[in-house]
Amino acid sequence: MQKRNNLWAILYVSSAMKDLSPADVEYYLNLNKEFRIKSQISGIVVLAQNNVLVLQEGEKENVKTEFEAEKKHPAQHSLIKVFDGPIEGRYFEDFPLAFKPIGNPDLAHLDDFTKPNTKEYLDEILDLDQSVPKIIKEFIQNNS
């Protein structure tokens, strides 16, 4: 976990406005990855049916700006912020936008955590005794 002084995270859940095709999901992931690289934001998206959990982590101002833009995105509704605060280090420092689909085999090819080393990476994060990983782990368990 990378350590910095001004690291911030926002974790939220929302619902997709419509069923997304695998092509739609891949398009949105690629578009958001490019933006996040430029904004130096990392994190994860977990998609379970039409339920979405998103973690944004990075410099506080960048994360808050990204969250404000996400709130206005027409592809989602019922956005609920479940964590908004400082973090000691990035959980997904190697991923501008990691993706974990649950319950949709058509999206398995987009899953960033299918290889043994990346699966172990995610498992180690989810086992941390900290608020953000606990919330992500509960979301995955409750939607699996």
N, C-alpha and C. Protein backbone atom coordinates (compact mmCIF):
# COMPACT_ATOMS: atom_id res chain seq x y z
N MET A 1 0.85 -1.17 0.00
CA MET A 1 0.00 0.00 0.00
C MET A 1 0.90 1.24 0.00
N GLN A 2 0.72 2.08 -1.00
CA GLN A 2 1.51 3.30 -1.15
C GLN A 2 1.10 4.33 -0.10
N LYS A 3 2.07 4.96 0.56
CA LYS A 3 1.75 5.96 1.58
C LYS A 3 1.99 7.37 1.06
N ARG A 4 1.03 8.25 1.34
CA ARG A 4 1.13 9.67 1.03
C ARG A 4 0.36 10.43 2.08
N ASN A 5 0.64 11.71 2.21
CA ASN A 5 -0.01 12.51 3.24
C ASN A 5 -1.42 12.95 2.89
N ASN A 6 -1.69 13.28 1.63
CA ASN A 6 -2.97 13.86 1.26
C ASN A 6 -3.86 12.85 0.52
N LEU A 7 -3.74 11.57 0.85
CA LEU A 7 -4.54 10.56 0.17
C LEU A 7 -5.96 10.55 0.72
N TRP A 8 -6.91 10.43 -0.20
CA TRP A 8 -8.31 10.46 0.14
C TRP A 8 -9.02 9.36 -0.63
N ALA A 9 -10.08 8.86 -0.05
CA ALA A 9 -10.89 7.86 -0.74
C ALA A 9 -12.36 8.20 -0.60
N ILE A 10 -13.07 7.94 -1.67
CA ILE A 10 -14.53 7.97 -1.65
C ILE A 10 -14.98 6.62 -2.20
N LEU A 11 -15.86 5.99 -1.45
CA LEU A 11 -16.41 4.69 -1.82
C LEU A 11 -17.92 4.87 -1.88
N TYR A 12 -18.51 4.47 -3.00
CA TYR A 12 -19.96 4.63 -3.12
C TYR A 12 -20.56 3.44 -3.85
N VAL A 13 -21.86 3.29 -3.65
CA VAL A 13 -22.63 2.29 -4.37
C VAL A 13 -23.70 3.02 -5.17
N SER A 14 -24.08 2.42 -6.28
CA SER A 14 -25.15 2.99 -7.10
C SER A 14 -25.77 1.86 -7.91
N SER A 15 -26.77 2.23 -8.68
CA SER A 15 -27.43 1.28 -9.57
C SER A 15 -27.32 1.80 -10.99
N ALA A 16 -27.09 0.88 -11.91
CA ALA A 16 -27.03 1.26 -13.32
C ALA A 16 -28.44 1.53 -13.83
N MET A 17 -28.57 2.50 -14.71
CA MET A 17 -29.88 2.87 -15.25
C MET A 17 -30.45 1.79 -16.17
N LYS A 18 -29.58 1.00 -16.78
CA LYS A 18 -30.03 -0.06 -17.69
C LYS A 18 -29.01 -1.19 -17.65
N ASP A 19 -29.41 -2.33 -18.18
CA ASP A 19 -28.47 -3.43 -18.31
C ASP A 19 -27.40 -3.02 -19.31
N LEU A 20 -26.15 -3.22 -18.94
CA LEU A 20 -25.05 -2.87 -19.81
C LEU A 20 -24.53 -4.11 -20.52
N SER A 21 -24.31 -3.98 -21.79
CA SER A 21 -23.73 -5.08 -22.55
C SER A 21 -22.25 -5.17 -22.21
N PRO A 22 -21.62 -6.31 -22.49
CA PRO A 22 -20.17 -6.39 -22.27
C PRO A 22 -19.41 -5.30 -23.04
N ALA A 23 -19.87 -4.97 -24.23
CA ALA A 23 -19.22 -3.91 -25.01
C ALA A 23 -19.36 -2.55 -24.33
N ASP A 24 -20.54 -2.29 -23.74
CA ASP A 24 -20.75 -1.04 -23.00
C ASP A 24 -19.82 -0.96 -21.80
N VAL A 25 -19.75 -2.05 -21.05
CA VAL A 25 -18.90 -2.08 -19.86
C VAL A 25 -17.45 -1.84 -20.25
N GLU A 26 -16.99 -2.52 -21.28
CA GLU A 26 -15.60 -2.36 -21.73
C GLU A 26 -15.33 -0.93 -22.19
N TYR A 27 -16.27 -0.34 -22.89
CA TYR A 27 -16.13 1.05 -23.35
C TYR A 27 -15.98 2.00 -22.15
N TYR A 28 -16.90 1.89 -21.18
CA TYR A 28 -16.86 2.77 -20.01
C TYR A 28 -15.58 2.55 -19.19
N LEU A 29 -15.15 1.30 -19.05
CA LEU A 29 -13.92 1.04 -18.31
C LEU A 29 -12.72 1.70 -18.98
N ASN A 30 -12.60 1.53 -20.28
CA ASN A 30 -11.46 2.12 -21.00
C ASN A 30 -11.48 3.64 -20.93
N LEU A 31 -12.65 4.22 -21.09
CA LEU A 31 -12.78 5.68 -21.02
C LEU A 31 -12.39 6.20 -19.63
N ASN A 32 -12.90 5.53 -18.60
CA ASN A 32 -12.60 5.97 -17.23
C ASN A 32 -11.15 5.69 -16.83
N LYS A 33 -10.55 4.63 -17.34
CA LYS A 33 -9.15 4.35 -17.04
C LYS A 33 -8.26 5.48 -17.55
N GLU A 34 -8.53 5.92 -18.78
CA GLU A 34 -7.74 7.03 -19.35
C GLU A 34 -7.85 8.28 -18.49
N PHE A 35 -9.07 8.61 -18.08
CA PHE A 35 -9.28 9.79 -17.25
C PHE A 35 -8.56 9.64 -15.91
N ARG A 36 -8.68 8.47 -15.31
CA ARG A 36 -8.07 8.26 -14.00
C ARG A 36 -6.54 8.31 -14.05
N ILE A 37 -5.97 7.83 -15.12
CA ILE A 37 -4.52 7.91 -15.27
C ILE A 37 -4.09 9.38 -15.27
N LYS A 38 -4.81 10.19 -16.04
CA LYS A 38 -4.49 11.63 -16.11
C LYS A 38 -4.70 12.31 -14.76
N SER A 39 -5.71 11.88 -14.01
CA SER A 39 -6.04 12.50 -12.72
C SER A 39 -5.33 11.85 -11.54
N GLN A 40 -4.53 10.82 -11.81
CA GLN A 40 -3.80 10.09 -10.78
C GLN A 40 -4.75 9.53 -9.71
N ILE A 41 -5.85 8.97 -10.18
CA ILE A 41 -6.82 8.32 -9.30
C ILE A 41 -6.75 6.82 -9.56
N SER A 42 -6.78 6.05 -8.51
CA SER A 42 -6.82 4.60 -8.65
C SER A 42 -8.06 4.09 -7.93
N GLY A 43 -8.28 2.78 -8.02
CA GLY A 43 -9.43 2.21 -7.33
C GLY A 43 -9.99 1.00 -8.04
N ILE A 44 -11.23 0.68 -7.70
CA ILE A 44 -11.88 -0.52 -8.21
C ILE A 44 -13.35 -0.24 -8.47
N VAL A 45 -13.89 -0.96 -9.43
CA VAL A 45 -15.32 -1.01 -9.69
C VAL A 45 -15.73 -2.47 -9.57
N VAL A 46 -16.73 -2.73 -8.75
CA VAL A 46 -17.29 -4.07 -8.62
C VAL A 46 -18.71 -3.98 -9.17
N LEU A 47 -18.99 -4.80 -10.18
CA LEU A 47 -20.31 -4.79 -10.81
C LEU A 47 -21.01 -6.11 -10.53
N ALA A 48 -22.15 -6.02 -9.87
CA ALA A 48 -22.96 -7.20 -9.54
C ALA A 48 -24.38 -6.94 -10.05
N GLN A 49 -24.71 -7.56 -11.19
CA GLN A 49 -25.97 -7.27 -11.88
C GLN A 49 -25.98 -5.77 -12.18
N ASN A 50 -26.94 -5.04 -11.69
CA ASN A 50 -26.96 -3.60 -11.92
C ASN A 50 -26.50 -2.81 -10.70
N ASN A 51 -25.96 -3.49 -9.71
CA ASN A 51 -25.42 -2.82 -8.53
C ASN A 51 -23.93 -2.58 -8.74
N VAL A 52 -23.50 -1.37 -8.42
CA VAL A 52 -22.12 -0.99 -8.67
C VAL A 52 -21.50 -0.43 -7.39
N LEU A 53 -20.30 -0.88 -7.08
CA LEU A 53 -19.51 -0.31 -5.98
C LEU A 53 -18.28 0.29 -6.63
N VAL A 54 -17.97 1.54 -6.27
CA VAL A 54 -16.83 2.24 -6.86
C VAL A 54 -15.96 2.81 -5.75
N LEU A 55 -14.66 2.54 -5.84
CA LEU A 55 -13.67 3.16 -4.96
C LEU A 55 -12.81 4.08 -5.80
N GLN A 56 -12.71 5.34 -5.36
CA GLN A 56 -11.81 6.31 -5.95
C GLN A 56 -10.80 6.69 -4.87
N GLU A 57 -9.52 6.63 -5.20
CA GLU A 57 -8.49 6.97 -4.23
C GLU A 57 -7.40 7.77 -4.93
N GLY A 58 -6.91 8.77 -4.21
CA GLY A 58 -5.86 9.62 -4.75
C GLY A 58 -5.79 10.91 -3.96
N GLU A 59 -5.23 11.94 -4.58
CA GLU A 59 -5.17 13.24 -3.92
C GLU A 59 -6.60 13.73 -3.68
N LYS A 60 -6.81 14.32 -2.51
CA LYS A 60 -8.15 14.70 -2.07
C LYS A 60 -8.91 15.51 -3.12
N GLU A 61 -8.32 16.55 -3.65
CA GLU A 61 -9.01 17.41 -4.61
C GLU A 61 -9.42 16.64 -5.86
N ASN A 62 -8.53 15.78 -6.37
CA ASN A 62 -8.83 14.99 -7.56
C ASN A 62 -9.99 14.02 -7.32
N VAL A 63 -9.97 13.36 -6.15
CA VAL A 63 -11.01 12.39 -5.82
C VAL A 63 -12.36 13.08 -5.68
N LYS A 64 -12.38 14.20 -5.00
CA LYS A 64 -13.64 14.93 -4.81
C LYS A 64 -14.19 15.45 -6.14
N THR A 65 -13.32 15.93 -7.01
CA THR A 65 -13.74 16.40 -8.34
C THR A 65 -14.33 15.25 -9.15
N GLU A 66 -13.66 14.10 -9.12
CA GLU A 66 -14.15 12.93 -9.85
C GLU A 66 -15.50 12.47 -9.31
N PHE A 67 -15.66 12.48 -7.99
CA PHE A 67 -16.93 12.07 -7.40
C PHE A 67 -18.07 13.00 -7.83
N GLU A 68 -17.82 14.28 -7.84
CA GLU A 68 -18.86 15.24 -8.26
C GLU A 68 -19.28 14.98 -9.71
N ALA A 69 -18.32 14.64 -10.56
CA ALA A 69 -18.66 14.31 -11.95
C ALA A 69 -19.45 13.01 -12.02
N GLU A 70 -19.07 12.02 -11.23
CA GLU A 70 -19.77 10.74 -11.22
C GLU A 70 -21.21 10.88 -10.76
N LYS A 71 -21.45 11.77 -9.81
CA LYS A 71 -22.82 11.98 -9.32
C LYS A 71 -23.76 12.42 -10.43
N LYS A 72 -23.21 13.08 -11.43
CA LYS A 72 -24.03 13.62 -12.52
C LYS A 72 -24.11 12.69 -13.72
N HIS A 73 -23.42 11.57 -13.66
CA HIS A 73 -23.38 10.66 -14.81
C HIS A 73 -24.75 10.04 -15.04
N PRO A 74 -25.27 10.13 -16.25
CA PRO A 74 -26.64 9.66 -16.52
C PRO A 74 -26.80 8.13 -16.53
N ALA A 75 -25.70 7.39 -16.49
CA ALA A 75 -25.81 5.93 -16.55
C ALA A 75 -26.10 5.29 -15.19
N GLN A 76 -26.17 6.11 -14.13
CA GLN A 76 -26.41 5.54 -12.80
C GLN A 76 -27.41 6.37 -12.01
N HIS A 77 -27.98 5.73 -11.00
CA HIS A 77 -28.91 6.43 -10.10
C HIS A 77 -28.76 5.84 -8.71
N SER A 78 -29.42 6.44 -7.77
CA SER A 78 -29.42 5.97 -6.37
C SER A 78 -28.01 5.86 -5.81
N LEU A 79 -27.20 6.86 -6.08
CA LEU A 79 -25.82 6.86 -5.61
C LEU A 79 -25.79 7.13 -4.10
N ILE A 80 -25.11 6.25 -3.38
CA ILE A 80 -24.99 6.39 -1.92
C ILE A 80 -23.51 6.33 -1.55
N LYS A 81 -23.03 7.39 -0.93
CA LYS A 81 -21.64 7.43 -0.48
C LYS A 81 -21.55 6.66 0.84
N VAL A 82 -20.62 5.69 0.90
CA VAL A 82 -20.47 4.89 2.12
C VAL A 82 -19.16 5.16 2.85
N PHE A 83 -18.23 5.84 2.17
CA PHE A 83 -16.98 6.24 2.83
C PHE A 83 -16.46 7.48 2.12
N ASP A 84 -16.02 8.45 2.91
CA ASP A 84 -15.45 9.68 2.37
C ASP A 84 -14.45 10.17 3.40
N GLY A 85 -13.17 9.88 3.18
CA GLY A 85 -12.21 10.30 4.18
C GLY A 85 -10.77 9.99 3.80
N PRO A 86 -9.86 10.37 4.69
CA PRO A 86 -8.44 10.13 4.44
C PRO A 86 -8.10 8.65 4.56
N ILE A 87 -7.09 8.25 3.82
CA ILE A 87 -6.58 6.88 3.91
C ILE A 87 -5.07 6.94 4.07
N GLU A 88 -4.53 5.92 4.69
CA GLU A 88 -3.08 5.87 4.93
C GLU A 88 -2.30 5.57 3.66
N GLY A 89 -2.89 4.82 2.76
CA GLY A 89 -2.23 4.46 1.51
C GLY A 89 -3.24 3.94 0.51
N ARG A 90 -2.83 3.88 -0.73
CA ARG A 90 -3.71 3.37 -1.78
C ARG A 90 -3.85 1.86 -1.66
N TYR A 91 -5.04 1.38 -1.86
CA TYR A 91 -5.29 -0.06 -1.87
C TYR A 91 -5.03 -0.63 -3.26
N PHE A 92 -5.34 0.12 -4.30
CA PHE A 92 -5.22 -0.35 -5.67
C PHE A 92 -4.23 0.52 -6.45
N GLU A 93 -3.06 0.73 -5.86
CA GLU A 93 -2.08 1.63 -6.43
C GLU A 93 -1.63 1.24 -7.83
N ASP A 94 -1.72 -0.03 -8.18
CA ASP A 94 -1.31 -0.49 -9.51
C ASP A 94 -2.45 -0.50 -10.51
N PHE A 95 -3.62 -0.06 -10.09
CA PHE A 95 -4.80 -0.11 -10.95
C PHE A 95 -5.49 1.25 -11.01
N PRO A 96 -5.44 1.93 -12.16
CA PRO A 96 -6.22 3.15 -12.25
C PRO A 96 -7.72 2.84 -12.10
N LEU A 97 -8.12 1.67 -12.60
CA LEU A 97 -9.51 1.27 -12.47
C LEU A 97 -9.60 -0.25 -12.57
N ALA A 98 -9.40 -0.91 -11.44
CA ALA A 98 -9.55 -2.36 -11.42
C ALA A 98 -11.02 -2.70 -11.58
N PHE A 99 -11.29 -3.86 -12.15
CA PHE A 99 -12.68 -4.26 -12.40
C PHE A 99 -12.90 -5.68 -11.91
N LYS A 100 -13.99 -5.85 -11.16
CA LYS A 100 -14.37 -7.16 -10.64
C LYS A 100 -15.86 -7.38 -10.91
N PRO A 101 -16.20 -8.18 -11.94
CA PRO A 101 -17.61 -8.49 -12.16
C PRO A 101 -18.03 -9.67 -11.29
N ILE A 102 -19.27 -9.64 -10.85
CA ILE A 102 -19.81 -10.74 -10.04
C ILE A 102 -21.08 -11.25 -10.70
N GLY A 103 -21.13 -12.56 -10.92
CA GLY A 103 -22.35 -13.19 -11.41
C GLY A 103 -22.68 -12.96 -12.86
N ASN A 104 -21.72 -12.52 -13.66
CA ASN A 104 -21.98 -12.32 -15.08
C ASN A 104 -20.82 -12.91 -15.88
N PRO A 105 -20.98 -14.16 -16.34
CA PRO A 105 -19.89 -14.81 -17.08
C PRO A 105 -19.51 -14.08 -18.37
N ASP A 106 -20.42 -13.27 -18.93
CA ASP A 106 -20.10 -12.53 -20.15
C ASP A 106 -19.06 -11.43 -19.91
N LEU A 107 -18.82 -11.10 -18.64
CA LEU A 107 -17.84 -10.07 -18.31
C LEU A 107 -16.55 -10.65 -17.74
N ALA A 108 -16.46 -11.96 -17.67
CA ALA A 108 -15.29 -12.62 -17.05
C ALA A 108 -13.98 -12.21 -17.71
N HIS A 109 -14.00 -11.96 -19.00
CA HIS A 109 -12.76 -11.58 -19.70
C HIS A 109 -12.25 -10.20 -19.28
N LEU A 110 -13.09 -9.41 -18.62
CA LEU A 110 -12.69 -8.08 -18.16
C LEU A 110 -12.21 -8.08 -16.70
N ASP A 111 -12.38 -9.20 -16.02
CA ASP A 111 -12.03 -9.31 -14.60
C ASP A 111 -10.52 -9.19 -14.42
N ASP A 112 -10.10 -8.19 -13.64
CA ASP A 112 -8.67 -7.98 -13.39
C ASP A 112 -8.08 -8.95 -12.37
N PHE A 113 -8.91 -9.81 -11.79
CA PHE A 113 -8.45 -10.65 -10.69
C PHE A 113 -8.64 -12.14 -10.96
N THR A 114 -8.33 -12.58 -12.18
CA THR A 114 -8.47 -13.99 -12.52
C THR A 114 -7.14 -14.73 -12.46
N LYS A 115 -6.04 -14.03 -12.61
CA LYS A 115 -4.72 -14.67 -12.54
C LYS A 115 -4.35 -14.88 -11.09
N PRO A 116 -3.59 -15.94 -10.79
CA PRO A 116 -3.26 -16.22 -9.38
C PRO A 116 -2.64 -15.05 -8.62
N ASN A 117 -1.72 -14.32 -9.25
CA ASN A 117 -1.06 -13.21 -8.53
C ASN A 117 -2.02 -12.05 -8.28
N THR A 118 -2.92 -11.74 -9.23
CA THR A 118 -3.85 -10.65 -9.00
C THR A 118 -4.98 -11.06 -8.07
N LYS A 119 -5.36 -12.34 -8.12
CA LYS A 119 -6.38 -12.84 -7.19
C LYS A 119 -5.84 -12.75 -5.76
N GLU A 120 -4.57 -13.12 -5.59
CA GLU A 120 -3.93 -13.03 -4.27
C GLU A 120 -3.84 -11.58 -3.81
N TYR A 121 -3.54 -10.67 -4.73
CA TYR A 121 -3.47 -9.23 -4.42
C TYR A 121 -4.80 -8.75 -3.86
N LEU A 122 -5.91 -9.08 -4.56
CA LEU A 122 -7.23 -8.68 -4.10
C LEU A 122 -7.56 -9.32 -2.75
N ASP A 123 -7.26 -10.60 -2.59
CA ASP A 123 -7.53 -11.29 -1.32
C ASP A 123 -6.80 -10.63 -0.16
N GLU A 124 -5.54 -10.21 -0.39
CA GLU A 124 -4.77 -9.55 0.66
C GLU A 124 -5.40 -8.21 1.05
N ILE A 125 -5.87 -7.47 0.06
CA ILE A 125 -6.54 -6.19 0.34
C ILE A 125 -7.81 -6.43 1.14
N LEU A 126 -8.61 -7.40 0.70
CA LEU A 126 -9.90 -7.65 1.36
C LEU A 126 -9.75 -8.19 2.77
N ASP A 127 -8.58 -8.72 3.08
CA ASP A 127 -8.33 -9.23 4.44
C ASP A 127 -7.82 -8.16 5.40
N LEU A 128 -7.55 -6.96 4.90
CA LEU A 128 -7.08 -5.89 5.78
C LEU A 128 -8.18 -5.49 6.76
N ASP A 129 -7.78 -5.18 7.97
CA ASP A 129 -8.74 -4.78 9.01
C ASP A 129 -8.91 -3.26 8.99
N GLN A 130 -9.47 -2.77 7.87
CA GLN A 130 -9.70 -1.34 7.68
C GLN A 130 -11.06 -1.17 7.02
N SER A 131 -11.66 0.00 7.20
CA SER A 131 -13.04 0.25 6.74
C SER A 131 -13.24 0.01 5.25
N VAL A 132 -12.41 0.60 4.42
CA VAL A 132 -12.61 0.50 2.97
C VAL A 132 -12.57 -0.95 2.49
N PRO A 133 -11.53 -1.72 2.81
CA PRO A 133 -11.53 -3.11 2.36
C PRO A 133 -12.69 -3.93 2.93
N LYS A 134 -13.07 -3.66 4.17
CA LYS A 134 -14.20 -4.39 4.77
C LYS A 134 -15.49 -4.14 3.99
N ILE A 135 -15.73 -2.90 3.59
CA ILE A 135 -16.94 -2.57 2.84
C ILE A 135 -16.92 -3.27 1.47
N ILE A 136 -15.78 -3.24 0.80
CA ILE A 136 -15.66 -3.90 -0.50
C ILE A 136 -15.91 -5.40 -0.35
N LYS A 137 -15.30 -5.99 0.67
CA LYS A 137 -15.47 -7.43 0.90
C LYS A 137 -16.94 -7.78 1.17
N GLU A 138 -17.61 -6.99 1.98
CA GLU A 138 -19.02 -7.25 2.27
C GLU A 138 -19.87 -7.12 1.01
N PHE A 139 -19.60 -6.13 0.18
CA PHE A 139 -20.34 -5.96 -1.07
C PHE A 139 -20.17 -7.20 -1.95
N ILE A 140 -18.94 -7.67 -2.08
CA ILE A 140 -18.67 -8.84 -2.91
C ILE A 140 -19.39 -10.06 -2.33
N GLN A 141 -19.28 -10.28 -1.03
CA GLN A 141 -19.93 -11.42 -0.39
C GLN A 141 -21.44 -11.36 -0.52
N ASN A 142 -22.02 -10.19 -0.32
CA ASN A 142 -23.48 -10.05 -0.37
C ASN A 142 -24.05 -10.17 -1.77
N ASN A 143 -23.21 -9.99 -2.77
CA ASN A 143 -23.68 -10.06 -4.15
C ASN A 143 -23.19 -11.28 -4.90
N SER A 144 -22.50 -12.18 -4.21
CA SER A 144 -22.00 -13.40 -4.85
C SER A 144 -23.01 -14.52 -4.75
